[in-house]
Structure formats: structure tokens, C-alpha cells
Full PDB file with SEQRES, HELIX, SHEET, SSBOND, CRYST1, ORIGX, SCALE, CONECT and MASTER records, all heavy atoms in Angstrom:
SEQRES   1 A   34  LYS ALA LYS GLY CYS ARG ILE CYS LYS GLN GLU GLY TRP          
SEQRES   2 A   34  ILE GLU LEU LEU GLY CYS GLY MET VAL ASP PRO TYR LEU          
SEQRES   3 A   34  LEU GLU ARG VAL GLY TYR ASP PRO                              
HELIX    1 AA1 PRO A   24  ARG A   29  1                                   6    
CRYST1    1.000    1.000    1.000  90.00  90.00  90.00 P 1           1          
ORIGX1      1.000000  0.000000  0.000000        0.00000                         
ORIGX2      0.000000  1.000000  0.000000        0.00000                         
ORIGX3      0.000000  0.000000  1.000000        0.00000                         
SCALE1      1.000000  0.000000  0.000000        0.00000                         
SCALE2      0.000000  1.000000  0.000000        0.00000                         
SCALE3      0.000000  0.000000  1.000000        0.00000                         
ATOM      1  N   LYS A   1    -117.510-174.202-117.620  1.00  0.00           N  
ATOM      2  CA  LYS A   1    -117.796-175.479-116.949  1.00  0.00           C  
ATOM      3  C   LYS A   1    -118.452-176.471-117.905  1.00  0.00           C  
ATOM      4  O   LYS A   1    -119.506-177.038-117.631  1.00  0.00           O  
ATOM      5  CB  LYS A   1    -118.674-175.238-115.722  1.00  0.00           C  
ATOM      6  CG  LYS A   1    -118.074-174.286-114.680  1.00  0.00           C  
ATOM      7  CD  LYS A   1    -116.756-174.813-114.132  1.00  0.00           C  
ATOM      8  CE  LYS A   1    -116.283-173.967-112.946  1.00  0.00           C  
ATOM      9  NZ  LYS A   1    -115.915-172.580-113.341  1.00  0.00           N  
ATOM     10  N   ALA A   2    -117.838-176.653-119.080  1.00  0.00           N  
ATOM     11  CA  ALA A   2    -118.242-177.646-120.080  1.00  0.00           C  
ATOM     12  C   ALA A   2    -119.520-177.294-120.830  1.00  0.00           C  
ATOM     13  O   ALA A   2    -120.061-178.133-121.558  1.00  0.00           O  
ATOM     14  CB  ALA A   2    -118.380-179.035-119.450  1.00  0.00           C  
ATOM     15  N   LYS A   3    -119.976-176.045-120.739  1.00  0.00           N  
ATOM     16  CA  LYS A   3    -121.180-175.648-121.468  1.00  0.00           C  
ATOM     17  C   LYS A   3    -120.863-175.145-122.872  1.00  0.00           C  
ATOM     18  O   LYS A   3    -121.726-175.128-123.748  1.00  0.00           O  
ATOM     19  CB  LYS A   3    -121.915-174.566-120.689  1.00  0.00           C  
ATOM     20  CG  LYS A   3    -122.451-175.044-119.341  1.00  0.00           C  
ATOM     21  CD  LYS A   3    -123.128-173.912-118.600  1.00  0.00           C  
ATOM     22  CE  LYS A   3    -123.636-174.388-117.235  1.00  0.00           C  
ATOM     23  NZ  LYS A   3    -124.280-173.279-116.475  1.00  0.00           N  
ATOM     24  N   GLY A   4    -119.636-174.714-123.109  1.00  0.00           N  
ATOM     25  CA  GLY A   4    -119.239-174.178-124.406  1.00  0.00           C  
ATOM     26  C   GLY A   4    -119.123-172.670-124.381  1.00  0.00           C  
ATOM     27  O   GLY A   4    -120.080-171.977-124.000  1.00  0.00           O  
ATOM     28  N   CYS A   5    -117.951-172.171-124.776  1.00  0.00           N  
ATOM     29  CA  CYS A   5    -117.737-170.720-124.811  1.00  0.00           C  
ATOM     30  C   CYS A   5    -116.613-170.412-125.789  1.00  0.00           C  
ATOM     31  O   CYS A   5    -116.094-171.303-126.464  1.00  0.00           O  
ATOM     32  CB  CYS A   5    -117.403-170.189-123.412  1.00  0.00           C  
ATOM     33  SG  CYS A   5    -115.808-170.773-122.781  1.00  0.00           S  
ATOM     34  N   ARG A   6    -116.227-169.143-125.850  1.00  0.00           N  
ATOM     35  CA  ARG A   6    -115.190-168.725-126.785  1.00  0.00           C  
ATOM     36  C   ARG A   6    -113.851-169.356-126.438  1.00  0.00           C  
ATOM     37  O   ARG A   6    -113.082-169.746-127.334  1.00  0.00           O  
ATOM     38  CB  ARG A   6    -115.070-167.197-126.753  1.00  0.00           C  
ATOM     39  CG  ARG A   6    -113.955-166.638-127.643  1.00  0.00           C  
ATOM     40  CD  ARG A   6    -113.794-165.144-127.427  1.00  0.00           C  
ATOM     41  NE  ARG A   6    -113.454-164.849-126.052  1.00  0.00           N  
ATOM     42  CZ  ARG A   6    -112.214-164.904-125.556  1.00  0.00           C  
ATOM     43  NH1 ARG A   6    -111.209-165.284-126.346  1.00  0.00           N  
ATOM     44  NH2 ARG A   6    -111.968-164.606-124.292  1.00  0.00           N  
ATOM     45  N   ILE A   7    -113.528-169.443-125.153  1.00  0.00           N  
ATOM     46  CA  ILE A   7    -112.220-169.952-124.742  1.00  0.00           C  
ATOM     47  C   ILE A   7    -112.031-171.402-125.159  1.00  0.00           C  
ATOM     48  O   ILE A   7    -110.970-171.790-125.650  1.00  0.00           O  
ATOM     49  CB  ILE A   7    -112.049-169.796-123.217  1.00  0.00           C  
ATOM     50  CG1 ILE A   7    -112.009-168.309-122.856  1.00  0.00           C  
ATOM     51  CG2 ILE A   7    -110.779-170.494-122.736  1.00  0.00           C  
ATOM     52  CD1 ILE A   7    -111.895-168.038-121.369  1.00  0.00           C  
ATOM     53  N   CYS A   8    -113.047-172.232-124.979  1.00  0.00           N  
ATOM     54  CA  CYS A   8    -112.943-173.655-125.327  1.00  0.00           C  
ATOM     55  C   CYS A   8    -113.461-173.940-126.731  1.00  0.00           C  
ATOM     56  O   CYS A   8    -113.608-175.115-127.105  1.00  0.00           O  
ATOM     57  CB  CYS A   8    -113.690-174.510-124.309  1.00  0.00           C  
ATOM     58  SG  CYS A   8    -115.472-174.201-124.238  1.00  0.00           S  
ATOM     59  N   LYS A   9    -113.753-172.887-127.503  1.00  0.00           N  
ATOM     60  CA  LYS A   9    -114.253-173.029-128.865  1.00  0.00           C  
ATOM     61  C   LYS A   9    -115.521-173.874-128.904  1.00  0.00           C  
ATOM     62  O   LYS A   9    -115.707-174.729-129.774  1.00  0.00           O  
ATOM     63  CB  LYS A   9    -113.171-173.638-129.766  1.00  0.00           C  
ATOM     64  CG  LYS A   9    -111.911-172.803-129.847  1.00  0.00           C  
ATOM     65  CD  LYS A   9    -110.855-173.447-130.721  1.00  0.00           C  
ATOM     66  CE  LYS A   9    -109.592-172.601-130.746  1.00  0.00           C  
ATOM     67  NZ  LYS A   9    -108.522-173.228-131.563  1.00  0.00           N  
ATOM     68  N   GLN A  10    -116.396-173.615-127.936  1.00  0.00           N  
ATOM     69  CA  GLN A  10    -117.705-174.267-127.830  1.00  0.00           C  
ATOM     70  C   GLN A  10    -117.616-175.765-127.564  1.00  0.00           C  
ATOM     71  O   GLN A  10    -118.614-176.476-127.663  1.00  0.00           O  
ATOM     72  CB  GLN A  10    -118.540-174.010-129.101  1.00  0.00           C  
ATOM     73  CG  GLN A  10    -118.653-172.553-129.503  1.00  0.00           C  
ATOM     74  CD  GLN A  10    -119.248-171.680-128.405  1.00  0.00           C  
ATOM     75  OE1 GLN A  10    -120.155-172.108-127.691  1.00  0.00           O  
ATOM     76  NE2 GLN A  10    -118.735-170.455-128.265  1.00  0.00           N  
ATOM     77  N   GLU A  11    -116.435-176.255-127.201  1.00  0.00           N  
ATOM     78  CA  GLU A  11    -116.266-177.682-126.935  1.00  0.00           C  
ATOM     79  C   GLU A  11    -116.559-178.049-125.480  1.00  0.00           C  
ATOM     80  O   GLU A  11    -116.897-179.189-125.173  1.00  0.00           O  
ATOM     81  CB  GLU A  11    -114.844-178.118-127.277  1.00  0.00           C  
ATOM     82  CG  GLU A  11    -114.490-178.029-128.750  1.00  0.00           C  
ATOM     83  CD  GLU A  11    -115.232-179.056-129.583  1.00  0.00           C  
ATOM     84  OE1 GLU A  11    -115.587-180.111-129.038  1.00  0.00           O  
ATOM     85  OE2 GLU A  11    -115.464-178.794-130.779  1.00  0.00           O  
ATOM     86  N   GLY A  12    -116.385-177.114-124.582  1.00  0.00           N  
ATOM     87  CA  GLY A  12    -116.568-177.393-123.170  1.00  0.00           C  
ATOM     88  C   GLY A  12    -115.317-177.960-122.507  1.00  0.00           C  
ATOM     89  O   GLY A  12    -115.230-178.031-121.285  1.00  0.00           O  
ATOM     90  N   TRP A  13    -114.347-178.408-123.336  1.00  0.00           N  
ATOM     91  CA  TRP A  13    -113.097-178.984-122.836  1.00  0.00           C  
ATOM     92  C   TRP A  13    -111.923-178.343-123.576  1.00  0.00           C  
ATOM     93  O   TRP A  13    -112.056-177.923-124.728  1.00  0.00           O  
ATOM     94  CB  TRP A  13    -113.072-180.496-123.044  1.00  0.00           C  
ATOM     95  CG  TRP A  13    -114.136-181.217-122.282  1.00  0.00           C  
ATOM     96  CD1 TRP A  13    -115.440-181.392-122.655  1.00  0.00           C  
ATOM     97  CD2 TRP A  13    -113.998-181.837-121.002  1.00  0.00           C  
ATOM     98  NE1 TRP A  13    -116.126-182.076-121.706  1.00  0.00           N  
ATOM     99  CE2 TRP A  13    -115.268-182.383-120.672  1.00  0.00           C  
ATOM    100  CE3 TRP A  13    -112.950-182.006-120.120  1.00  0.00           C  
ATOM    101  CZ2 TRP A  13    -115.496-183.073-119.482  1.00  0.00           C  
ATOM    102  CZ3 TRP A  13    -113.159-182.693-118.935  1.00  0.00           C  
ATOM    103  CH2 TRP A  13    -114.419-183.210-118.619  1.00  0.00           C  
ATOM    104  N   ILE A  14    -110.759-178.292-122.894  1.00  0.00           N  
ATOM    105  CA  ILE A  14    -109.566-177.688-123.476  1.00  0.00           C  
ATOM    106  C   ILE A  14    -108.453-178.725-123.490  1.00  0.00           C  
ATOM    107  O   ILE A  14    -108.091-179.273-122.446  1.00  0.00           O  
ATOM    108  CB  ILE A  14    -109.112-176.462-122.660  1.00  0.00           C  
ATOM    109  CG1 ILE A  14    -110.217-175.406-122.625  1.00  0.00           C  
ATOM    110  CG2 ILE A  14    -107.833-175.866-123.253  1.00  0.00           C  
ATOM    111  CD1 ILE A  14    -109.921-174.244-121.698  1.00  0.00           C  
ATOM    112  N   GLU A  15    -107.933-179.010-124.697  1.00  0.00           N  
ATOM    113  CA  GLU A  15    -106.818-179.958-124.805  1.00  0.00           C  
ATOM    114  C   GLU A  15    -105.581-179.349-124.162  1.00  0.00           C  
ATOM    115  O   GLU A  15    -105.201-178.227-124.464  1.00  0.00           O  
ATOM    116  CB  GLU A  15    -106.565-180.283-126.271  1.00  0.00           C  
ATOM    117  CG  GLU A  15    -105.420-181.258-126.494  1.00  0.00           C  
ATOM    118  CD  GLU A  15    -105.160-181.508-127.963  1.00  0.00           C  
ATOM    119  OE1 GLU A  15    -106.108-181.494-128.763  1.00  0.00           O  
ATOM    120  OE2 GLU A  15    -103.983-181.700-128.304  1.00  0.00           O  
ATOM    121  N   LEU A  16    -104.906-180.141-123.297  1.00  0.00           N  
ATOM    122  CA  LEU A  16    -103.814-179.564-122.524  1.00  0.00           C  
ATOM    123  C   LEU A  16    -102.490-180.288-122.702  1.00  0.00           C  
ATOM    124  O   LEU A  16    -101.443-179.649-122.862  1.00  0.00           O  
ATOM    125  CB  LEU A  16    -104.182-179.544-121.039  1.00  0.00           C  
ATOM    126  CG  LEU A  16    -103.338-178.616-120.163  1.00  0.00           C  
ATOM    127  CD1 LEU A  16    -103.529-177.166-120.589  1.00  0.00           C  
ATOM    128  CD2 LEU A  16    -103.705-178.790-118.697  1.00  0.00           C  
ATOM    129  N   LEU A  17    -102.467-181.627-122.680  1.00  0.00           N  
ATOM    130  CA  LEU A  17    -101.177-182.317-122.702  1.00  0.00           C  
ATOM    131  C   LEU A  17    -101.326-183.750-123.187  1.00  0.00           C  
ATOM    132  O   LEU A  17    -102.434-184.274-123.305  1.00  0.00           O  
ATOM    133  CB  LEU A  17    -100.532-182.297-121.311  1.00  0.00           C  
ATOM    134  CG  LEU A  17    -101.319-182.869-120.115  1.00  0.00           C  
ATOM    135  CD1 LEU A  17    -101.216-184.384-120.040  1.00  0.00           C  
ATOM    136  CD2 LEU A  17    -100.813-182.261-118.818  1.00  0.00           C  
ATOM    137  N   GLY A  18    -100.164-184.365-123.485  1.00  0.00           N  
ATOM    138  CA  GLY A  18    -100.114-185.766-123.866  1.00  0.00           C  
ATOM    139  C   GLY A  18     -99.546-186.602-122.721  1.00  0.00           C  
ATOM    140  O   GLY A  18     -98.731-186.118-121.928  1.00  0.00           O  
ATOM    141  N   CYS A  19     -99.969-187.850-122.647  1.00  0.00           N  
ATOM    142  CA  CYS A  19     -99.538-188.691-121.542  1.00  0.00           C  
ATOM    143  C   CYS A  19     -99.710-190.157-121.912  1.00  0.00           C  
ATOM    144  O   CYS A  19    -100.188-190.493-123.000  1.00  0.00           O  
ATOM    145  CB  CYS A  19    -100.341-188.376-120.275  1.00  0.00           C  
ATOM    146  SG  CYS A  19    -102.133-188.607-120.489  1.00  0.00           S  
ATOM    147  N   GLY A  20     -99.338-191.039-121.004  1.00  0.00           N  
ATOM    148  CA  GLY A  20     -99.518-192.461-121.230  1.00  0.00           C  
ATOM    149  C   GLY A  20     -98.639-193.290-120.313  1.00  0.00           C  
ATOM    150  O   GLY A  20     -97.853-192.756-119.516  1.00  0.00           O  
ATOM    151  N   MET A  21     -98.788-194.612-120.442  1.00  0.00           N  
ATOM    152  CA  MET A  21     -97.952-195.537-119.676  1.00  0.00           C  
ATOM    153  C   MET A  21     -96.635-195.756-120.410  1.00  0.00           C  
ATOM    154  O   MET A  21     -96.609-195.888-121.638  1.00  0.00           O  
ATOM    155  CB  MET A  21     -98.688-196.867-119.499  1.00  0.00           C  
ATOM    156  CG  MET A  21    -100.019-196.742-118.777  1.00  0.00           C  
ATOM    157  SD  MET A  21     -99.851-196.087-117.089  1.00  0.00           S  
ATOM    158  CE  MET A  21     -98.968-197.439-116.300  1.00  0.00           C  
ATOM    159  N   VAL A  22     -95.542-195.762-119.677  1.00  0.00           N  
ATOM    160  CA  VAL A  22     -94.219-195.899-120.277  1.00  0.00           C  
ATOM    161  C   VAL A  22     -94.129-197.223-121.033  1.00  0.00           C  
ATOM    162  O   VAL A  22     -94.454-198.287-120.499  1.00  0.00           O  
ATOM    163  CB  VAL A  22     -93.122-195.830-119.207  1.00  0.00           C  
ATOM    164  CG1 VAL A  22     -91.747-196.041-119.831  1.00  0.00           C  
ATOM    165  CG2 VAL A  22     -93.171-194.486-118.482  1.00  0.00           C  
ATOM    166  N   ASP A  23     -93.676-197.153-122.289  1.00  0.00           N  
ATOM    167  CA  ASP A  23     -93.530-198.355-123.106  1.00  0.00           C  
ATOM    168  C   ASP A  23     -92.474-199.265-122.468  1.00  0.00           C  
ATOM    169  O   ASP A  23     -91.391-198.790-122.083  1.00  0.00           O  
ATOM    170  CB  ASP A  23     -93.093-197.954-124.519  1.00  0.00           C  
ATOM    171  CG  ASP A  23     -93.218-199.102-125.507  1.00  0.00           C  
ATOM    172  OD1 ASP A  23     -92.594-200.148-125.263  1.00  0.00           O  
ATOM    173  OD2 ASP A  23     -93.924-198.935-126.516  1.00  0.00           O  
ATOM    174  N   PRO A  24     -92.748-200.573-122.336  1.00  0.00           N  
ATOM    175  CA  PRO A  24     -91.766-201.490-121.740  1.00  0.00           C  
ATOM    176  C   PRO A  24     -90.403-201.442-122.418  1.00  0.00           C  
ATOM    177  O   PRO A  24     -89.381-201.735-121.792  1.00  0.00           O  
ATOM    178  CB  PRO A  24     -92.434-202.863-121.907  1.00  0.00           C  
ATOM    179  CG  PRO A  24     -93.894-202.555-121.940  1.00  0.00           C  
ATOM    180  CD  PRO A  24     -94.022-201.248-122.642  1.00  0.00           C  
ATOM    181  N   TYR A  25     -90.379-201.049-123.712  1.00  0.00           N  
ATOM    182  CA  TYR A  25     -89.095-200.950-124.428  1.00  0.00           C  
ATOM    183  C   TYR A  25     -88.159-199.983-123.722  1.00  0.00           C  
ATOM    184  O   TYR A  25     -86.947-200.226-123.609  1.00  0.00           O  
ATOM    185  CB  TYR A  25     -89.355-200.496-125.865  1.00  0.00           C  
ATOM    186  CG  TYR A  25     -88.106-200.090-126.613  1.00  0.00           C  
ATOM    187  CD1 TYR A  25     -87.295-201.043-127.209  1.00  0.00           C  
ATOM    188  CD2 TYR A  25     -87.739-198.743-126.714  1.00  0.00           C  
ATOM    189  CE1 TYR A  25     -86.144-200.672-127.901  1.00  0.00           C  
ATOM    190  CE2 TYR A  25     -86.601-198.355-127.400  1.00  0.00           C  
ATOM    191  CZ  TYR A  25     -85.806-199.330-127.983  1.00  0.00           C  
ATOM    192  OH  TYR A  25     -84.677-198.966-128.660  1.00  0.00           O  
ATOM    193  N   LEU A  26     -88.701-198.846-123.237  1.00  0.00           N  
ATOM    194  CA  LEU A  26     -87.875-197.855-122.552  1.00  0.00           C  
ATOM    195  C   LEU A  26     -87.324-198.413-121.253  1.00  0.00           C  
ATOM    196  O   LEU A  26     -86.169-198.178-120.897  1.00  0.00           O  
ATOM    197  CB  LEU A  26     -88.688-196.587-122.281  1.00  0.00           C  
ATOM    198  CG  LEU A  26     -88.743-195.526-123.393  1.00  0.00           C  
ATOM    199  CD1 LEU A  26     -89.492-196.064-124.615  1.00  0.00           C  
ATOM    200  CD2 LEU A  26     -89.404-194.250-122.885  1.00  0.00           C  
ATOM    201  N   LEU A  27     -88.154-199.168-120.544  1.00  0.00           N  
ATOM    202  CA  LEU A  27     -87.709-199.732-119.271  1.00  0.00           C  
ATOM    203  C   LEU A  27     -86.598-200.750-119.487  1.00  0.00           C  
ATOM    204  O   LEU A  27     -85.607-200.773-118.749  1.00  0.00           O  
ATOM    205  CB  LEU A  27     -88.898-200.376-118.553  1.00  0.00           C  
ATOM    206  CG  LEU A  27     -90.075-199.429-118.214  1.00  0.00           C  
ATOM    207  CD1 LEU A  27     -91.190-200.214-117.540  1.00  0.00           C  
ATOM    208  CD2 LEU A  27     -89.612-198.271-117.334  1.00  0.00           C  
ATOM    209  N   GLU A  28     -86.754-201.600-120.511  1.00  0.00           N  
ATOM    210  CA  GLU A  28     -85.722-202.586-120.803  1.00  0.00           C  
ATOM    211  C   GLU A  28     -84.413-201.916-121.201  1.00  0.00           C  
ATOM    212  O   GLU A  28     -83.320-202.364-120.829  1.00  0.00           O  
ATOM    213  CB  GLU A  28     -86.191-203.517-121.917  1.00  0.00           C  
ATOM    214  CG  GLU A  28     -87.327-204.456-121.523  1.00  0.00           C  
ATOM    215  CD  GLU A  28     -87.763-205.345-122.669  1.00  0.00           C  
ATOM    216  OE1 GLU A  28     -87.301-205.087-123.816  1.00  0.00           O  
ATOM    217  OE2 GLU A  28     -88.542-206.284-122.440  1.00  0.00           O  
ATOM    218  N   ARG A  29     -84.508-200.819-121.951  1.00  0.00           N  
ATOM    219  CA  ARG A  29     -83.303-200.148-122.462  1.00  0.00           C  
ATOM    220  C   ARG A  29     -82.449-199.605-121.316  1.00  0.00           C  
ATOM    221  O   ARG A  29     -81.216-199.596-121.412  1.00  0.00           O  
ATOM    222  CB  ARG A  29     -83.697-199.028-123.421  1.00  0.00           C  
ATOM    223  CG  ARG A  29     -82.507-198.347-124.094  1.00  0.00           C  
ATOM    224  CD  ARG A  29     -82.940-197.226-125.007  1.00  0.00           C  
ATOM    225  NE  ARG A  29     -81.793-196.574-125.619  1.00  0.00           N  
ATOM    226  CZ  ARG A  29     -81.278-196.884-126.795  1.00  0.00           C  
ATOM    227  NH1 ARG A  29     -81.826-197.850-127.513  1.00  0.00           N  
ATOM    228  NH2 ARG A  29     -80.232-196.228-127.267  1.00  0.00           N  
ATOM    229  N   VAL A  30     -83.084-199.147-120.248  1.00  0.00           N  
ATOM    230  CA  VAL A  30     -82.317-198.578-119.129  1.00  0.00           C  
ATOM    231  C   VAL A  30     -82.026-199.616-118.050  1.00  0.00           C  
ATOM    232  O   VAL A  30     -81.466-199.285-117.000  1.00  0.00           O  
ATOM    233  CB  VAL A  30     -83.074-197.377-118.509  1.00  0.00           C  
ATOM    234  CG1 VAL A  30     -83.236-196.267-119.528  1.00  0.00           C  
ATOM    235  CG2 VAL A  30     -84.419-197.809-117.950  1.00  0.00           C  
ATOM    236  N   GLY A  31     -82.408-200.862-118.302  1.00  0.00           N  
ATOM    237  CA  GLY A  31     -82.076-201.925-117.356  1.00  0.00           C  
ATOM    238  C   GLY A  31     -83.107-202.185-116.286  1.00  0.00           C  
ATOM    239  O   GLY A  31     -82.820-202.898-115.312  1.00  0.00           O  
ATOM    240  N   TYR A  32     -84.337-201.656-116.449  1.00  0.00           N  
ATOM    241  CA  TYR A  32     -85.412-201.939-115.496  1.00  0.00           C  
ATOM    242  C   TYR A  32     -86.126-203.222-115.919  1.00  0.00           C  
ATOM    243  O   TYR A  32     -86.226-203.538-117.107  1.00  0.00           O  
ATOM    244  CB  TYR A  32     -86.423-200.800-115.446  1.00  0.00           C  
ATOM    245  CG  TYR A  32     -85.929-199.528-114.787  1.00  0.00           C  
ATOM    246  CD1 TYR A  32     -84.619-199.389-114.343  1.00  0.00           C  
ATOM    247  CD2 TYR A  32     -86.779-198.443-114.606  1.00  0.00           C  
ATOM    248  CE1 TYR A  32     -84.183-198.225-113.749  1.00  0.00           C  
ATOM    249  CE2 TYR A  32     -86.351-197.265-114.013  1.00  0.00           C  
ATOM    250  CZ  TYR A  32     -85.049-197.160-113.592  1.00  0.00           C  
ATOM    251  OH  TYR A  32     -84.598-196.003-113.008  1.00  0.00           O  
ATOM    252  N   ASP A  33     -86.655-203.922-114.964  1.00  0.00           N  
ATOM    253  CA  ASP A  33     -87.415-205.141-115.234  1.00  0.00           C  
ATOM    254  C   ASP A  33     -88.864-204.767-115.534  1.00  0.00           C  
ATOM    255  O   ASP A  33     -89.607-204.372-114.621  1.00  0.00           O  
ATOM    256  CB  ASP A  33     -87.357-206.073-114.025  1.00  0.00           C  
ATOM    257  CG  ASP A  33     -88.096-207.393-114.269  1.00  0.00           C  
ATOM    258  OD1 ASP A  33     -88.633-207.576-115.382  1.00  0.00           O  
ATOM    259  OD2 ASP A  33     -88.131-208.224-113.343  1.00  0.00           O  
ATOM    260  N   PRO A  34     -89.309-204.879-116.802  1.00  0.00           N  
ATOM    261  CA  PRO A  34     -90.684-204.466-117.140  1.00  0.00           C  
ATOM    262  C   PRO A  34     -91.744-205.384-116.552  1.00  0.00           C  
ATOM    263  O   PRO A  34     -92.928-205.026-116.542  1.00  0.00           O  
ATOM    264  CB  PRO A  34     -90.684-204.518-118.677  1.00  0.00           C  
ATOM    265  CG  PRO A  34     -89.621-205.482-119.032  1.00  0.00           C  
ATOM    266  CD  PRO A  34     -88.574-205.349-117.983  1.00  0.00           C  
TER     267      PRO A  34                                                      
MASTER        0    0    0    1    0    0    0    6  266    1    0    3          
END                                                                             
């Protein structure tokens, strides 16, 4: 619970995935109005 241990390498947090808002370029390419 964010205190630091072996599993999280004493960080308290575990990196899991990448994400973000869709770049308007992708929307324009498929014909969506950005």
C-alpha cells in the first residue's frame, strides 16, 4: 500500500501501462472531425 516492498522495488507504486489522449492526426486520418 505504497510503503515500499520487494514487489514494488521499494517504490510503493508499480508501472503498469501506457496511455494518453488520441492524437488529432489519427482522427483526421480516419475521417473523424477532431
